[in-house]
Amino acid sequence: MNRVLKLIKGTFISIIIFVAMSLLAGLLLTVTGMPERYTGFYLIVALSASCAFAGLYAGNLSGKKGLFSGVIFSGIALAIILTATALSFSTFISADVLSFQYIIPLSFGGIFGIIGTNLKN
């Protein structure tokens, strides 16, 4: 039970990282002259950082099979983020959710899952 609570905690921290980085990107878009055409890129970077933390946390907690646990738990965090985004803007989840660009955050989760497995507690 303690391990499940730690995984839930890691997922929520990952979501908080995504929200903070998204707000920072929005603030930078508002205050500076950053072009808005790269907004999707900024959000993919925020998703990648969020999934990297989820993978690192899950890999460190599992202690083995870091790639698998990193991809699984970054996928869970990604699914929660995408579902919350779709519900907050009252849009339906479409085939765009399954596009190629979401492989990047999942791969970051897997790579950092491997790193998390190899970290010493």
PDB file of N, CA and C in Angstrom:
ATOM      1  N   MET A   1       0.823  -1.197   0.000  1.00  0.00           N
ATOM      2  CA  MET A   1       0.000   0.000   0.000  1.00  0.00           C
ATOM      3  C   MET A   1       0.860   1.250   0.000  1.00  0.00           C
ATOM      4  N   ASN A   2       1.973   1.189   0.717  1.00  0.00           N
ATOM      5  CA  ASN A   2       2.855   2.342   0.790  1.00  0.00           C
ATOM      6  C   ASN A   2       3.440   2.657  -0.589  1.00  0.00           C
ATOM      7  N   ARG A   3       3.739   1.637  -1.373  1.00  0.00           N
ATOM      8  CA  ARG A   3       4.295   1.823  -2.707  1.00  0.00           C
ATOM      9  C   ARG A   3       3.268   2.463  -3.638  1.00  0.00           C
ATOM     10  N   VAL A   4       2.016   2.071  -3.517  1.00  0.00           N
ATOM     11  CA  VAL A   4       0.959   2.644  -4.355  1.00  0.00           C
ATOM     12  C   VAL A   4       0.783   4.127  -4.038  1.00  0.00           C
ATOM     13  N   LEU A   5       0.814   4.480  -2.766  1.00  0.00           N
ATOM     14  CA  LEU A   5       0.681   5.881  -2.388  1.00  0.00           C
ATOM     15  C   LEU A   5       1.862   6.709  -2.896  1.00  0.00           C
ATOM     16  N   LYS A   6       3.047   6.129  -2.892  1.00  0.00           N
ATOM     17  CA  LYS A   6       4.210   6.839  -3.425  1.00  0.00           C
ATOM     18  C   LYS A   6       4.088   7.041  -4.930  1.00  0.00           C
ATOM     19  N   LEU A   7       3.558   6.051  -5.644  1.00  0.00           N
ATOM     20  CA  LEU A   7       3.357   6.209  -7.083  1.00  0.00           C
ATOM     21  C   LEU A   7       2.299   7.261  -7.389  1.00  0.00           C
ATOM     22  N   ILE A   8       1.245   7.308  -6.596  1.00  0.00           N
ATOM     23  CA  ILE A   8       0.219   8.343  -6.769  1.00  0.00           C
ATOM     24  C   ILE A   8       0.821   9.710  -6.491  1.00  0.00           C
ATOM     25  N   LYS A   9       1.638   9.806  -5.453  1.00  0.00           N
ATOM     26  CA  LYS A   9       2.310  11.060  -5.121  1.00  0.00           C
ATOM     27  C   LYS A   9       3.215  11.504  -6.268  1.00  0.00           C
ATOM     28  N   GLY A  10       3.976  10.583  -6.843  1.00  0.00           N
ATOM     29  CA  GLY A  10       4.843  10.912  -7.972  1.00  0.00           C
ATOM     30  C   GLY A  10       4.060  11.377  -9.191  1.00  0.00           C
ATOM     31  N   THR A  11       2.909  10.763  -9.441  1.00  0.00           N
ATOM     32  CA  THR A  11       2.071  11.166 -10.561  1.00  0.00           C
ATOM     33  C   THR A  11       1.524  12.561 -10.352  1.00  0.00           C
ATOM     34  N   PHE A  12       1.090  12.876  -9.147  1.00  0.00           N
ATOM     35  CA  PHE A  12       0.575  14.218  -8.870  1.00  0.00           C
ATOM     36  C   PHE A  12       1.672  15.271  -8.925  1.00  0.00           C
ATOM     37  N   ILE A  13       2.868  14.936  -8.475  1.00  0.00           N
ATOM     38  CA  ILE A  13       3.982  15.876  -8.601  1.00  0.00           C
ATOM     39  C   ILE A  13       4.292  16.112 -10.075  1.00  0.00           C
ATOM     40  N   SER A  14       4.200  15.066 -10.874  1.00  0.00           N
ATOM     41  CA  SER A  14       4.409  15.196 -12.308  1.00  0.00           C
ATOM     42  C   SER A  14       3.370  16.130 -12.928  1.00  0.00           C
ATOM     43  N   ILE A  15       2.135  16.010 -12.506  1.00  0.00           N
ATOM     44  CA  ILE A  15       1.079  16.890 -13.015  1.00  0.00           C
ATOM     45  C   ILE A  15       1.320  18.321 -12.577  1.00  0.00           C
ATOM     46  N   ILE A  16       1.774  18.511 -11.356  1.00  0.00           N
ATOM     47  CA  ILE A  16       2.083  19.858 -10.861  1.00  0.00           C
ATOM     48  C   ILE A  16       3.226  20.467 -11.666  1.00  0.00           C
ATOM     49  N   ILE A  17       4.233  19.669 -12.018  1.00  0.00           N
ATOM     50  CA  ILE A  17       5.327  20.155 -12.856  1.00  0.00           C
ATOM     51  C   ILE A  17       4.798  20.612 -14.216  1.00  0.00           C
ATOM     52  N   PHE A  18       3.879  19.836 -14.796  1.00  0.00           N
ATOM     53  CA  PHE A  18       3.309  20.222 -16.081  1.00  0.00           C
ATOM     54  C   PHE A  18       2.535  21.525 -15.978  1.00  0.00           C
ATOM     55  N   VAL A  19       1.726  21.652 -14.941  1.00  0.00           N
ATOM     56  CA  VAL A  19       0.934  22.877 -14.774  1.00  0.00           C
ATOM     57  C   VAL A  19       1.849  24.085 -14.572  1.00  0.00           C
ATOM     58  N   ALA A  20       2.890  23.938 -13.753  1.00  0.00           N
ATOM     59  CA  ALA A  20       3.809  25.045 -13.498  1.00  0.00           C
ATOM     60  C   ALA A  20       4.547  25.447 -14.779  1.00  0.00           C
ATOM     61  N   MET A  21       5.014  24.468 -15.541  1.00  0.00           N
ATOM     62  CA  MET A  21       5.728  24.798 -16.777  1.00  0.00           C
ATOM     63  C   MET A  21       4.792  25.391 -17.831  1.00  0.00           C
ATOM     64  N   SER A  22       3.538  24.949 -17.848  1.00  0.00           N
ATOM     65  CA  SER A  22       2.568  25.531 -18.780  1.00  0.00           C
ATOM     66  C   SER A  22       2.253  26.967 -18.411  1.00  0.00           C
ATOM     67  N   LEU A  23       2.105  27.229 -17.125  1.00  0.00           N
ATOM     68  CA  LEU A  23       1.866  28.601 -16.686  1.00  0.00           C
ATOM     69  C   LEU A  23       3.069  29.490 -16.973  1.00  0.00           C
ATOM     70  N   LEU A  24       4.264  28.958 -16.795  1.00  0.00           N
ATOM     71  CA  LEU A  24       5.472  29.709 -17.108  1.00  0.00           C
ATOM     72  C   LEU A  24       5.546  30.016 -18.602  1.00  0.00           C
ATOM     73  N   ALA A  25       5.216  29.047 -19.439  1.00  0.00           N
ATOM     74  CA  ALA A  25       5.207  29.279 -20.888  1.00  0.00           C
ATOM     75  C   ALA A  25       4.158  30.324 -21.263  1.00  0.00           C
ATOM     76  N   GLY A  26       2.993  30.267 -20.630  1.00  0.00           N
ATOM     77  CA  GLY A  26       1.955  31.261 -20.887  1.00  0.00           C
ATOM     78  C   GLY A  26       2.374  32.655 -20.453  1.00  0.00           C
ATOM     79  N   LEU A  27       3.053  32.721 -19.321  1.00  0.00           N
ATOM     80  CA  LEU A  27       3.548  34.012 -18.839  1.00  0.00           C
ATOM     81  C   LEU A  27       4.614  34.565 -19.777  1.00  0.00           C
ATOM     82  N   LEU A  28       5.516  33.696 -20.239  1.00  0.00           N
ATOM     83  CA  LEU A  28       6.543  34.145 -21.175  1.00  0.00           C
ATOM     84  C   LEU A  28       5.943  34.571 -22.511  1.00  0.00           C
ATOM     85  N   LEU A  29       4.899  33.903 -22.954  1.00  0.00           N
ATOM     86  CA  LEU A  29       4.230  34.309 -24.190  1.00  0.00           C
ATOM     87  C   LEU A  29       3.552  35.660 -24.033  1.00  0.00           C
ATOM     88  N   THR A  30       3.026  35.920 -22.844  1.00  0.00           N
ATOM     89  CA  THR A  30       2.320  37.174 -22.602  1.00  0.00           C
ATOM     90  C   THR A  30       3.282  38.337 -22.436  1.00  0.00           C
ATOM     91  N   VAL A  31       4.335  38.145 -21.681  1.00  0.00           N
ATOM     92  CA  VAL A  31       5.231  39.235 -21.316  1.00  0.00           C
ATOM     93  C   VAL A  31       6.290  39.498 -22.385  1.00  0.00           C
ATOM     94  N   THR A  32       6.838  38.460 -22.955  1.00  0.00           N
ATOM     95  CA  THR A  32       7.927  38.635 -23.921  1.00  0.00           C
ATOM     96  C   THR A  32       7.398  38.560 -25.347  1.00  0.00           C
ATOM     97  N   GLY A  33       8.288  38.655 -26.266  1.00  0.00           N
ATOM     98  CA  GLY A  33       7.913  38.610 -27.672  1.00  0.00           C
ATOM     99  C   GLY A  33       8.051  37.233 -28.281  1.00  0.00           C
ATOM    100  N   MET A  34       7.915  36.192 -27.464  1.00  0.00           N
ATOM    101  CA  MET A  34       8.031  34.831 -27.996  1.00  0.00           C
ATOM    102  C   MET A  34       6.879  34.570 -28.965  1.00  0.00           C
ATOM    103  N   PRO A  35       7.171  33.952 -30.099  1.00  0.00           N
ATOM    104  CA  PRO A  35       6.108  33.704 -31.084  1.00  0.00           C
ATOM    105  C   PRO A  35       5.121  32.637 -30.603  1.00  0.00           C
ATOM    106  N   GLU A  36       3.858  32.877 -30.887  1.00  0.00           N
ATOM    107  CA  GLU A  36       2.809  31.950 -30.461  1.00  0.00           C
ATOM    108  C   GLU A  36       2.734  30.700 -31.331  1.00  0.00           C
ATOM    109  N   ARG A  37       3.369  30.728 -32.464  1.00  0.00           N
ATOM    110  CA  ARG A  37       3.286  29.562 -33.349  1.00  0.00           C
ATOM    111  C   ARG A  37       4.029  28.359 -32.785  1.00  0.00           C
ATOM    112  N   TYR A  38       4.865  28.567 -31.773  1.00  0.00           N
ATOM    113  CA  TYR A  38       5.593  27.476 -31.143  1.00  0.00           C
ATOM    114  C   TYR A  38       4.938  27.000 -29.847  1.00  0.00           C
ATOM    115  N   THR A  39       3.691  27.333 -29.623  1.00  0.00           N
ATOM    116  CA  THR A  39       3.006  26.952 -28.392  1.00  0.00           C
ATOM    117  C   THR A  39       2.963  25.437 -28.228  1.00  0.00           C
ATOM    118  N   GLY A  40       2.720  24.717 -29.296  1.00  0.00           N
ATOM    119  CA  GLY A  40       2.704  23.253 -29.219  1.00  0.00           C
ATOM    120  C   GLY A  40       4.052  22.700 -28.790  1.00  0.00           C
ATOM    121  N   PHE A  41       5.121  23.317 -29.275  1.00  0.00           N
ATOM    122  CA  PHE A  41       6.459  22.900 -28.880  1.00  0.00           C
ATOM    123  C   PHE A  41       6.689  23.130 -27.395  1.00  0.00           C
ATOM    124  N   TYR A  42       6.233  24.270 -26.889  1.00  0.00           N
ATOM    125  CA  TYR A  42       6.393  24.560 -25.464  1.00  0.00           C
ATOM    126  C   TYR A  42       5.657  23.532 -24.611  1.00  0.00           C
ATOM    127  N   LEU A  43       4.472  23.153 -25.051  1.00  0.00           N
ATOM    128  CA  LEU A  43       3.695  22.180 -24.281  1.00  0.00           C
ATOM    129  C   LEU A  43       4.300  20.780 -24.362  1.00  0.00           C
ATOM    130  N   ILE A  44       4.891  20.427 -25.479  1.00  0.00           N
ATOM    131  CA  ILE A  44       5.568  19.131 -25.572  1.00  0.00           C
ATOM    132  C   ILE A  44       6.784  19.108 -24.643  1.00  0.00           C
ATOM    133  N   VAL A  45       7.493  20.234 -24.539  1.00  0.00           N
ATOM    134  CA  VAL A  45       8.617  20.311 -23.608  1.00  0.00           C
ATOM    135  C   VAL A  45       8.118  20.159 -22.172  1.00  0.00           C
ATOM    136  N   ALA A  46       6.993  20.804 -21.845  1.00  0.00           N
ATOM    137  CA  ALA A  46       6.427  20.682 -20.493  1.00  0.00           C
ATOM    138  C   ALA A  46       5.971  19.251 -20.229  1.00  0.00           C
ATOM    139  N   LEU A  47       5.343  18.615 -21.212  1.00  0.00           N
ATOM    140  CA  LEU A  47       4.936  17.219 -21.062  1.00  0.00           C
ATOM    141  C   LEU A  47       6.147  16.299 -20.924  1.00  0.00           C
ATOM    142  N   SER A  48       7.208  16.586 -21.666  1.00  0.00           N
ATOM    143  CA  SER A  48       8.413  15.758 -21.586  1.00  0.00           C
ATOM    144  C   SER A  48       9.059  15.858 -20.215  1.00  0.00           C
ATOM    145  N   ALA A  49       9.117  17.067 -19.657  1.00  0.00           N
ATOM    146  CA  ALA A  49       9.684  17.235 -18.311  1.00  0.00           C
ATOM    147  C   ALA A  49       8.816  16.540 -17.272  1.00  0.00           C
ATOM    148  N   SER A  50       7.510  16.634 -17.428  1.00  0.00           N
ATOM    149  CA  SER A  50       6.587  15.993 -16.502  1.00  0.00           C
ATOM    150  C   SER A  50       6.703  14.472 -16.574  1.00  0.00           C
ATOM    151  N   CYS A  51       6.753  13.929 -17.781  1.00  0.00           N
ATOM    152  CA  CYS A  51       6.875  12.483 -17.950  1.00  0.00           C
ATOM    153  C   CYS A  51       8.258  11.989 -17.528  1.00  0.00           C
ATOM    154  N   ALA A  52       9.279  12.829 -17.699  1.00  0.00           N
ATOM    155  CA  ALA A  52      10.618  12.458 -17.247  1.00  0.00           C
ATOM    156  C   ALA A  52      10.634  12.297 -15.730  1.00  0.00           C
ATOM    157  N   PHE A  53       9.976  13.211 -15.017  1.00  0.00           N
ATOM    158  CA  PHE A  53       9.921  13.076 -13.566  1.00  0.00           C
ATOM    159  C   PHE A  53       9.121  11.839 -13.165  1.00  0.00           C
ATOM    160  N   ALA A  54       7.996  11.601 -13.850  1.00  0.00           N
ATOM    161  CA  ALA A  54       7.198  10.420 -13.524  1.00  0.00           C
ATOM    162  C   ALA A  54       7.994   9.141 -13.766  1.00  0.00           C
ATOM    163  N   GLY A  55       8.747   9.085 -14.861  1.00  0.00           N
ATOM    164  CA  GLY A  55       9.570   7.919 -15.146  1.00  0.00           C
ATOM    165  C   GLY A  55      10.695   7.746 -14.145  1.00  0.00           C
ATOM    166  N   LEU A  56      11.336   8.845 -13.767  1.00  0.00           N
ATOM    167  CA  LEU A  56      12.411   8.796 -12.784  1.00  0.00           C
ATOM    168  C   LEU A  56      11.896   8.306 -11.439  1.00  0.00           C
ATOM    169  N   TYR A  57      10.772   8.826 -11.027  1.00  0.00           N
ATOM    170  CA  TYR A  57      10.182   8.451  -9.746  1.00  0.00           C
ATOM    171  C   TYR A  57       9.750   6.983  -9.749  1.00  0.00           C
ATOM    172  N   ALA A  58       9.099   6.560 -10.837  1.00  0.00           N
ATOM    173  CA  ALA A  58       8.630   5.175 -10.917  1.00  0.00           C
ATOM    174  C   ALA A  58       9.789   4.206 -11.042  1.00  0.00           C
ATOM    175  N   GLY A  59      10.810   4.570 -11.806  1.00  0.00           N
ATOM    176  CA  GLY A  59      11.976   3.704 -11.939  1.00  0.00           C
ATOM    177  C   GLY A  59      12.726   3.550 -10.640  1.00  0.00           C
ATOM    178  N   ASN A  60      12.855   4.636  -9.905  1.00  0.00           N
ATOM    179  CA  ASN A  60      13.534   4.577  -8.615  1.00  0.00           C
ATOM    180  C   ASN A  60      12.728   3.764  -7.612  1.00  0.00           C
ATOM    181  N   LEU A  61      11.420   3.871  -7.671  1.00  0.00           N
ATOM    182  CA  LEU A  61      10.577   3.149  -6.732  1.00  0.00           C
ATOM    183  C   LEU A  61      10.493   1.667  -7.061  1.00  0.00           C
ATOM    184  N   SER A  62      10.476   1.330  -8.347  1.00  0.00           N
ATOM    185  CA  SER A  62      10.345  -0.081  -8.710  1.00  0.00           C
ATOM    186  C   SER A  62      11.644  -0.849  -8.494  1.00  0.00           C
ATOM    187  N   GLY A  63      12.773  -0.219  -8.793  1.00  0.00           N
ATOM    188  CA  GLY A  63      14.051  -0.862  -8.575  1.00  0.00           C
ATOM    189  C   GLY A  63      14.483  -1.810  -9.680  1.00  0.00           C
ATOM    190  N   LYS A  64      13.596  -2.158 -10.588  1.00  0.00           N
ATOM    191  CA  LYS A  64      13.949  -3.002 -11.731  1.00  0.00           C
ATOM    192  C   LYS A  64      12.976  -2.708 -12.860  1.00  0.00           C
ATOM    193  N   LYS A  65      13.362  -3.101 -14.045  1.00  0.00           N
ATOM    194  CA  LYS A  65      12.555  -2.846 -15.247  1.00  0.00           C
ATOM    195  C   LYS A  65      12.201  -1.361 -15.363  1.00  0.00           C
ATOM    196  N   GLY A  66      13.226  -0.526 -15.375  1.00  0.00           N
ATOM    197  CA  GLY A  66      13.043   0.916 -15.389  1.00  0.00           C
ATOM    198  C   GLY A  66      12.377   1.431 -16.643  1.00  0.00           C
ATOM    199  N   LEU A  67      12.712   0.851 -17.793  1.00  0.00           N
ATOM    200  CA  LEU A  67      12.096   1.294 -19.041  1.00  0.00           C
ATOM    201  C   LEU A  67      10.599   1.036 -19.008  1.00  0.00           C
ATOM    202  N   PHE A  68      10.217  -0.149 -18.609  1.00  0.00           N
ATOM    203  CA  PHE A  68       8.801  -0.517 -18.566  1.00  0.00           C
ATOM    204  C   PHE A  68       8.030   0.335 -17.566  1.00  0.00           C
ATOM    205  N   SER A  69       8.542   0.451 -16.341  1.00  0.00           N
ATOM    206  CA  SER A  69       7.831   1.224 -15.325  1.00  0.00           C
ATOM    207  C   SER A  69       7.810   2.702 -15.669  1.00  0.00           C
ATOM    208  N   GLY A  70       8.885   3.210 -16.272  1.00  0.00           N
ATOM    209  CA  GLY A  70       8.919   4.616 -16.666  1.00  0.00           C
ATOM    210  C   GLY A  70       7.904   4.940 -17.737  1.00  0.00           C
ATOM    211  N   VAL A  71       7.804   4.072 -18.737  1.00  0.00           N
ATOM    212  CA  VAL A  71       6.839   4.302 -19.817  1.00  0.00           C
ATOM    213  C   VAL A  71       5.408   4.153 -19.301  1.00  0.00           C
ATOM    214  N   ILE A  72       5.166   3.162 -18.456  1.00  0.00           N
ATOM    215  CA  ILE A  72       3.810   2.946 -17.934  1.00  0.00           C
ATOM    216  C   ILE A  72       3.339   4.143 -17.108  1.00  0.00           C
ATOM    217  N   PHE A  73       4.166   4.584 -16.171  1.00  0.00           N
ATOM    218  CA  PHE A  73       3.709   5.655 -15.290  1.00  0.00           C
ATOM    219  C   PHE A  73       3.770   7.026 -15.944  1.00  0.00           C
ATOM    220  N   SER A  74       4.653   7.224 -16.903  1.00  0.00           N
ATOM    221  CA  SER A  74       4.576   8.473 -17.657  1.00  0.00           C
ATOM    222  C   SER A  74       3.357   8.446 -18.574  1.00  0.00           C
ATOM    223  N   GLY A  75       2.985   7.277 -19.061  1.00  0.00           N
ATOM    224  CA  GLY A  75       1.751   7.156 -19.843  1.00  0.00           C
ATOM    225  C   GLY A  75       0.516   7.437 -19.010  1.00  0.00           C
ATOM    226  N   ILE A  76       0.524   6.995 -17.764  1.00  0.00           N
ATOM    227  CA  ILE A  76      -0.602   7.289 -16.870  1.00  0.00           C
ATOM    228  C   ILE A  76      -0.687   8.783 -16.604  1.00  0.00           C
ATOM    229  N   ALA A  77       0.461   9.406 -16.328  1.00  0.00           N
ATOM    230  CA  ALA A  77       0.474  10.858 -16.094  1.00  0.00           C
ATOM    231  C   ALA A  77       0.032  11.603 -17.350  1.00  0.00           C
ATOM    232  N   LEU A  78       0.495  11.157 -18.511  1.00  0.00           N
ATOM    233  CA  LEU A  78       0.117  11.783 -19.770  1.00  0.00           C
ATOM    234  C   LEU A  78      -1.379  11.644 -20.027  1.00  0.00           C
ATOM    235  N   ALA A  79      -1.932  10.471 -19.742  1.00  0.00           N
ATOM    236  CA  ALA A  79      -3.372  10.256 -19.929  1.00  0.00           C
ATOM    237  C   ALA A  79      -4.192  11.144 -18.992  1.00  0.00           C
ATOM    238  N   ILE A  80      -3.750  11.295 -17.756  1.00  0.00           N
ATOM    239  CA  ILE A  80      -4.458  12.165 -16.816  1.00  0.00           C
ATOM    240  C   ILE A  80      -4.406  13.613 -17.284  1.00  0.00           C
ATOM    241  N   ILE A  81      -3.239  14.060 -17.731  1.00  0.00           N
ATOM    242  CA  ILE A  81      -3.087  15.437 -18.190  1.00  0.00           C
ATOM    243  C   ILE A  81      -3.946  15.696 -19.422  1.00  0.00           C
ATOM    244  N   LEU A  82      -3.921  14.792 -20.390  1.00  0.00           N
ATOM    245  CA  LEU A  82      -4.705  14.982 -21.609  1.00  0.00           C
ATOM    246  C   LEU A  82      -6.204  14.921 -21.339  1.00  0.00           C
ATOM    247  N   THR A  83      -6.615  14.040 -20.440  1.00  0.00           N
ATOM    248  CA  THR A  83      -8.031  13.962 -20.084  1.00  0.00           C
ATOM    249  C   THR A  83      -8.481  15.223 -19.362  1.00  0.00           C
ATOM    250  N   ALA A  84      -7.670  15.711 -18.430  1.00  0.00           N
ATOM    251  CA  ALA A  84      -8.019  16.944 -17.719  1.00  0.00           C
ATOM    252  C   ALA A  84      -8.065  18.139 -18.669  1.00  0.00           C
ATOM    253  N   THR A  85      -7.154  18.174 -19.621  1.00  0.00           N
ATOM    254  CA  THR A  85      -7.151  19.256 -20.607  1.00  0.00           C
ATOM    255  C   THR A  85      -8.392  19.188 -21.486  1.00  0.00           C
ATOM    256  N   ALA A  86      -8.746  17.999 -21.928  1.00  0.00           N
ATOM    257  CA  ALA A  86      -9.933  17.850 -22.769  1.00  0.00           C
ATOM    258  C   ALA A  86     -11.203  18.204 -22.004  1.00  0.00           C
ATOM    259  N   LEU A  87     -11.268  17.819 -20.740  1.00  0.00           N
ATOM    260  CA  LEU A  87     -12.458  18.130 -19.948  1.00  0.00           C
ATOM    261  C   LEU A  87     -12.542  19.610 -19.575  1.00  0.00           C
ATOM    262  N   SER A  88     -11.406  20.243 -19.357  1.00  0.00           N
ATOM    263  CA  SER A  88     -11.433  21.648 -18.961  1.00  0.00           C
ATOM    264  C   SER A  88     -11.806  22.563 -20.120  1.00  0.00           C
ATOM    265  N   PHE A  89     -11.505  22.162 -21.330  1.00  0.00           N
ATOM    266  CA  PHE A  89     -11.872  22.963 -22.485  1.00  0.00           C
ATOM    267  C   PHE A  89     -13.106  22.414 -23.182  1.00  0.00           C
ATOM    268  N   SER A  90     -13.783  21.475 -22.542  1.00  0.00           N
ATOM    269  CA  SER A  90     -15.007  20.821 -23.021  1.00  0.00           C
ATOM    270  C   SER A  90     -14.895  20.399 -24.489  1.00  0.00           C
ATOM    271  N   THR A  91     -13.811  19.717 -24.779  1.00  0.00           N
ATOM    272  CA  THR A  91     -13.638  19.134 -26.104  1.00  0.00           C
ATOM    273  C   THR A  91     -13.640  17.624 -25.965  1.00  0.00           C
ATOM    274  N   PHE A  92     -13.918  16.986 -27.049  1.00  0.00           N
ATOM    275  CA  PHE A  92     -13.913  15.532 -27.036  1.00  0.00           C
ATOM    276  C   PHE A  92     -12.509  15.033 -27.359  1.00  0.00           C
ATOM    277  N   ILE A  93     -12.166  13.899 -26.789  1.00  0.00           N
ATOM    278  CA  ILE A  93     -10.879  13.295 -27.086  1.00  0.00           C
ATOM    279  C   ILE A  93     -10.973  12.682 -28.476  1.00  0.00           C
ATOM    280  N   SER A  94     -10.111  13.127 -29.348  1.00  0.00           N
ATOM    281  CA  SER A  94     -10.174  12.681 -30.740  1.00  0.00           C
ATOM    282  C   SER A  94      -8.924  11.881 -31.096  1.00  0.00           C
ATOM    283  N   ALA A  95      -8.788  11.593 -32.357  1.00  0.00           N
ATOM    284  CA  ALA A  95      -7.632  10.824 -32.830  1.00  0.00           C
ATOM    285  C   ALA A  95      -6.342  11.628 -32.720  1.00  0.00           C
ATOM    286  N   ASP A  96      -6.434  12.961 -32.561  1.00  0.00           N
ATOM    287  CA  ASP A  96      -5.234  13.780 -32.410  1.00  0.00           C
ATOM    288  C   ASP A  96      -4.474  13.447 -31.135  1.00  0.00           C
ATOM    289  N   VAL A  97      -5.174  12.897 -30.151  1.00  0.00           N
ATOM    290  CA  VAL A  97      -4.525  12.532 -28.903  1.00  0.00           C
ATOM    291  C   VAL A  97      -3.518  11.418 -29.131  1.00  0.00           C
ATOM    292  N   LEU A  98      -3.759  10.586 -30.104  1.00  0.00           N
ATOM    293  CA  LEU A  98      -2.877   9.456 -30.377  1.00  0.00           C
ATOM    294  C   LEU A  98      -1.826   9.787 -31.426  1.00  0.00           C
ATOM    295  N   SER A  99      -1.510  11.049 -31.592  1.00  0.00           N
ATOM    296  CA  SER A  99      -0.570  11.434 -32.635  1.00  0.00           C
ATOM    297  C   SER A  99       0.871  11.133 -32.246  1.00  0.00           C
ATOM    298  N   PHE A 100       1.757  11.304 -33.191  1.00  0.00           N
ATOM    299  CA  PHE A 100       3.168  10.949 -33.058  1.00  0.00           C
ATOM    300  C   PHE A 100       3.887  11.790 -32.011  1.00  0.00           C
ATOM    301  N   GLN A 101       3.424  13.006 -31.781  1.00  0.00           N
ATOM    302  CA  GLN A 101       4.142  13.913 -30.883  1.00  0.00           C
ATOM    303  C   GLN A 101       4.149  13.441 -29.433  1.00  0.00           C
ATOM    304  N   TYR A 102       3.251  12.573 -29.039  1.00  0.00           N
ATOM    305  CA  TYR A 102       3.218  12.104 -27.657  1.00  0.00           C
ATOM    306  C   TYR A 102       4.180  10.941 -27.408  1.00  0.00           C
ATOM    307  N   ILE A 103       4.844  10.477 -28.448  1.00  0.00           N
ATOM    308  CA  ILE A 103       5.881   9.465 -28.255  1.00  0.00           C
ATOM    309  C   ILE A 103       7.099  10.092 -27.586  1.00  0.00           C
ATOM    310  N   ILE A 104       7.329  11.381 -27.842  1.00  0.00           N
ATOM    311  CA  ILE A 104       8.476  12.074 -27.249  1.00  0.00           C
ATOM    312  C   ILE A 104       8.395  12.076 -25.719  1.00  0.00           C
ATOM    313  N   PRO A 105       7.276  12.512 -25.095  1.00  0.00           N
ATOM    314  CA  PRO A 105       7.219  12.450 -23.633  1.00  0.00           C
ATOM    315  C   PRO A 105       7.300  11.026 -23.086  1.00  0.00           C
ATOM    316  N   LEU A 106       6.700  10.071 -23.784  1.00  0.00           N
ATOM    317  CA  LEU A 106       6.778   8.682 -23.320  1.00  0.00           C
ATOM    318  C   LEU A 106       8.200   8.148 -23.378  1.00  0.00           C
ATOM    319  N   SER A 107       8.943   8.551 -24.402  1.00  0.00           N
ATOM    320  CA  SER A 107      10.335   8.106 -24.474  1.00  0.00           C
ATOM    321  C   SER A 107      11.175   8.756 -23.377  1.00  0.00           C
ATOM    322  N   PHE A 108      10.880  10.019 -23.040  1.00  0.00           N
ATOM    323  CA  PHE A 108      11.562  10.643 -21.906  1.00  0.00           C
ATOM    324  C   PHE A 108      11.246   9.902 -20.611  1.00  0.00           C
ATOM    325  N   GLY A 109      10.001   9.476 -20.446  1.00  0.00           N
ATOM    326  CA  GLY A 109       9.633   8.701 -19.270  1.00  0.00           C
ATOM    327  C   GLY A 109      10.387   7.391 -19.195  1.00  0.00           C
ATOM    328  N   GLY A 110      10.547   6.717 -20.334  1.00  0.00           N
ATOM    329  CA  GLY A 110      11.290   5.463 -20.354  1.00  0.00           C
ATOM    330  C   GLY A 110      12.769   5.642 -20.064  1.00  0.00           C
ATOM    331  N   ILE A 111      13.364   6.665 -20.670  1.00  0.00           N
ATOM    332  CA  ILE A 111      14.791   6.922 -20.446  1.00  0.00           C
ATOM    333  C   ILE A 111      15.053   7.290 -18.989  1.00  0.00           C
ATOM    334  N   PHE A 112      14.216   8.157 -18.445  1.00  0.00           N
ATOM    335  CA  PHE A 112      14.409   8.550 -17.054  1.00  0.00           C
ATOM    336  C   PHE A 112      13.998   7.431 -16.090  1.00  0.00           C
ATOM    337  N   GLY A 113      13.158   6.502 -16.533  1.00  0.00           N
ATOM    338  CA  GLY A 113      12.867   5.316 -15.741  1.00  0.00           C
ATOM    339  C   GLY A 113      14.104   4.442 -15.594  1.00  0.00           C
ATOM    340  N   ILE A 114      14.873   4.333 -16.682  1.00  0.00           N
ATOM    341  CA  ILE A 114      16.128   3.593 -16.620  1.00  0.00           C
ATOM    342  C   ILE A 114      17.104   4.280 -15.675  1.00  0.00           C
ATOM    343  N   ILE A 115      17.180   5.600 -15.771  1.00  0.00           N
ATOM    344  CA  ILE A 115      18.064   6.361 -14.880  1.00  0.00           C
ATOM    345  C   ILE A 115      17.621   6.217 -13.431  1.00  0.00           C
ATOM    346  N   GLY A 116      16.299   6.265 -13.198  1.00  0.00           N
ATOM    347  CA  GLY A 116      15.773   6.135 -11.845  1.00  0.00           C
ATOM    348  C   GLY A 116      16.043   4.774 -11.237  1.00  0.00           C
ATOM    349  N   THR A 117      16.035   3.744 -12.068  1.00  0.00           N
ATOM    350  CA  THR A 117      16.346   2.403 -11.569  1.00  0.00           C
ATOM    351  C   THR A 117      17.800   2.316 -11.109  1.00  0.00           C
ATOM    352  N   ASN A 118      18.676   3.010 -11.792  1.00  0.00           N
ATOM    353  CA  ASN A 118      20.094   2.942 -11.475  1.00  0.00           C
ATOM    354  C   ASN A 118      20.529   3.915 -10.379  1.00  0.00           C
ATOM    355  N   LEU A 119      19.633   4.757  -9.907  1.00  0.00           N
ATOM    356  CA  LEU A 119      19.983   5.665  -8.813  1.00  0.00           C
ATOM    357  C   LEU A 119      20.023   4.913  -7.502  1.00  0.00           C
ATOM    358  N   LYS A 120      20.916   5.302  -6.651  1.00  0.00           N
ATOM    359  CA  LYS A 120      20.995   4.714  -5.308  1.00  0.00           C
ATOM    360  C   LYS A 120      20.082   5.504  -4.376  1.00  0.00           C
ATOM    361  N   ASN A 121      19.407   4.792  -3.499  1.00  0.00           N
ATOM    362  CA  ASN A 121      18.503   5.458  -2.545  1.00  0.00           C
ATOM    363  C   ASN A 121      19.272   6.141  -1.451  1.00  0.00           C
TER     364      ASN A 121
END
